Amino acid sequence: MDTRQNTKQNAITFREYTYDNEWVVVSDFGPAVSDINIETVGNTAIIVAQMNGGETHKQIELPGEESETSSNNGIIQIKGKIWNLQSNH
C-alpha cells in the first residue's frame, strides 16, 4: 500500500491509498453530517454534505475514474480500478 497524497480542504482531509489493482480516496466529514451526496464527473468528485444546519461543498481531483462510492456516518470512500495495460508476451 502506498499513501500518495493527503489533501486538506478547510479542516477536512482527503487521503489517497494505492493498492496493486485499485486506488481509494477516503475522508471523514465528522458525526455532524446528516446527509452526504457524492457525484463524479471523469476524474473529479463533488461532495455535498448537510451538516450543522448548513451545507458543505468539496471538489477534489481523483487519480482516475471512480468505480464505486460509499458513505457511512460521515466517512466517504471513493474507489477506482488501476488498469495494467502490460501484456504477457
Protein backbone atom coordinates (compact mmCIF):
# COMPACT_ATOMS: atom_id res chain seq x y z
CA MET A 1 0.00 0.00 0.00
CA ASP A 2 1.23 3.45 -0.85
CA THR A 3 -0.27 6.60 0.68
CA ARG A 4 0.26 9.02 -2.19
CA GLN A 5 -1.48 12.16 -1.14
CA ASN A 6 -3.13 13.99 1.70
CA THR A 7 -5.22 16.96 0.63
CA LYS A 8 -6.68 19.23 3.30
CA GLN A 9 -9.63 21.48 2.48
CA ASN A 10 -10.98 23.63 5.31
CA ALA A 11 -10.24 21.10 8.08
CA ILE A 12 -11.44 18.11 6.01
CA THR A 13 -8.59 15.83 4.98
CA PHE A 14 -8.75 13.57 1.95
CA ARG A 15 -6.38 10.59 1.95
CA GLU A 16 -5.48 8.58 -1.10
CA TYR A 17 -4.27 4.98 -0.90
CA THR A 18 -2.91 2.97 -3.82
CA TYR A 19 -3.01 -0.83 -3.91
CA ASP A 20 -1.96 -3.30 -6.62
CA ASN A 21 -5.19 -3.08 -8.62
CA GLU A 22 -7.15 -0.16 -7.15
CA TRP A 23 -6.95 3.25 -5.52
CA VAL A 24 -9.10 4.51 -2.66
CA VAL A 25 -9.81 8.08 -1.52
CA VAL A 26 -11.30 8.46 1.98
CA SER A 27 -12.37 11.38 4.14
CA ASP A 28 -14.13 11.88 7.46
CA PHE A 29 -16.66 14.72 7.39
CA GLY A 30 -17.49 14.08 11.05
CA PRO A 31 -20.50 12.93 13.03
CA ALA A 32 -22.47 16.15 12.42
CA VAL A 33 -23.30 15.03 8.85
CA SER A 34 -26.99 14.33 8.37
CA ASP A 35 -26.78 13.61 4.63
CA ILE A 36 -23.96 13.31 2.11
CA ASN A 37 -24.02 13.08 -1.70
CA ILE A 38 -21.04 12.10 -3.89
CA GLU A 39 -21.11 12.77 -7.63
CA THR A 40 -18.24 12.07 -10.01
CA VAL A 41 -17.54 13.50 -13.45
CA GLY A 42 -14.47 12.00 -15.08
CA ASN A 43 -11.64 12.37 -12.57
CA THR A 44 -13.46 14.89 -10.36
CA ALA A 45 -15.54 14.14 -7.27
CA ILE A 46 -18.06 16.65 -5.96
CA ILE A 47 -19.19 16.06 -2.39
CA VAL A 48 -22.14 17.88 -0.83
CA ALA A 49 -22.66 17.30 2.90
CA GLN A 50 -25.54 18.55 5.04
CA MET A 51 -24.10 19.34 8.46
CA ASN A 52 -24.80 21.61 11.43
CA GLY A 53 -27.80 23.16 9.73
CA GLY A 54 -25.74 24.14 6.68
CA GLU A 55 -24.22 22.70 3.55
CA THR A 56 -20.55 21.98 2.81
CA HIS A 57 -19.32 21.58 -0.79
CA LYS A 58 -15.97 19.98 -1.68
CA GLN A 59 -14.45 19.21 -5.06
CA ILE A 60 -11.37 17.03 -5.42
CA GLU A 61 -9.38 15.56 -8.28
CA LEU A 62 -9.26 11.77 -8.31
CA PRO A 63 -6.38 9.62 -9.58
CA GLY A 64 -8.71 8.08 -12.19
CA GLU A 65 -12.36 7.41 -12.92
CA GLU A 66 -14.32 6.02 -9.98
CA SER A 67 -15.91 2.60 -9.94
CA GLU A 68 -17.63 2.78 -6.54
CA THR A 69 -18.62 5.38 -3.95
CA SER A 70 -19.98 4.92 -0.44
CA SER A 71 -20.58 6.84 2.76
CA ASN A 72 -21.32 5.82 6.32
CA ASN A 73 -21.54 8.04 9.43
CA GLY A 74 -19.87 10.97 7.67
CA ILE A 75 -16.98 8.90 6.25
CA ILE A 76 -16.79 8.77 2.46
CA GLN A 77 -14.94 6.28 0.31
CA ILE A 78 -14.33 6.55 -3.43
CA LYS A 79 -12.68 3.61 -5.23
CA GLY A 80 -11.30 3.17 -8.72
CA LYS A 81 -9.53 0.46 -10.69
CA ILE A 82 -5.91 0.58 -11.78
CA TRP A 83 -5.71 -0.92 -15.22
CA ASN A 84 -2.48 -2.74 -16.03
CA LEU A 85 -2.04 -2.47 -19.79
CA GLN A 86 1.09 -4.65 -19.93
CA SER A 87 0.70 -7.84 -21.93
CA ASN A 88 2.24 -11.18 -21.02
CA HIS A 89 4.06 -11.72 -24.33
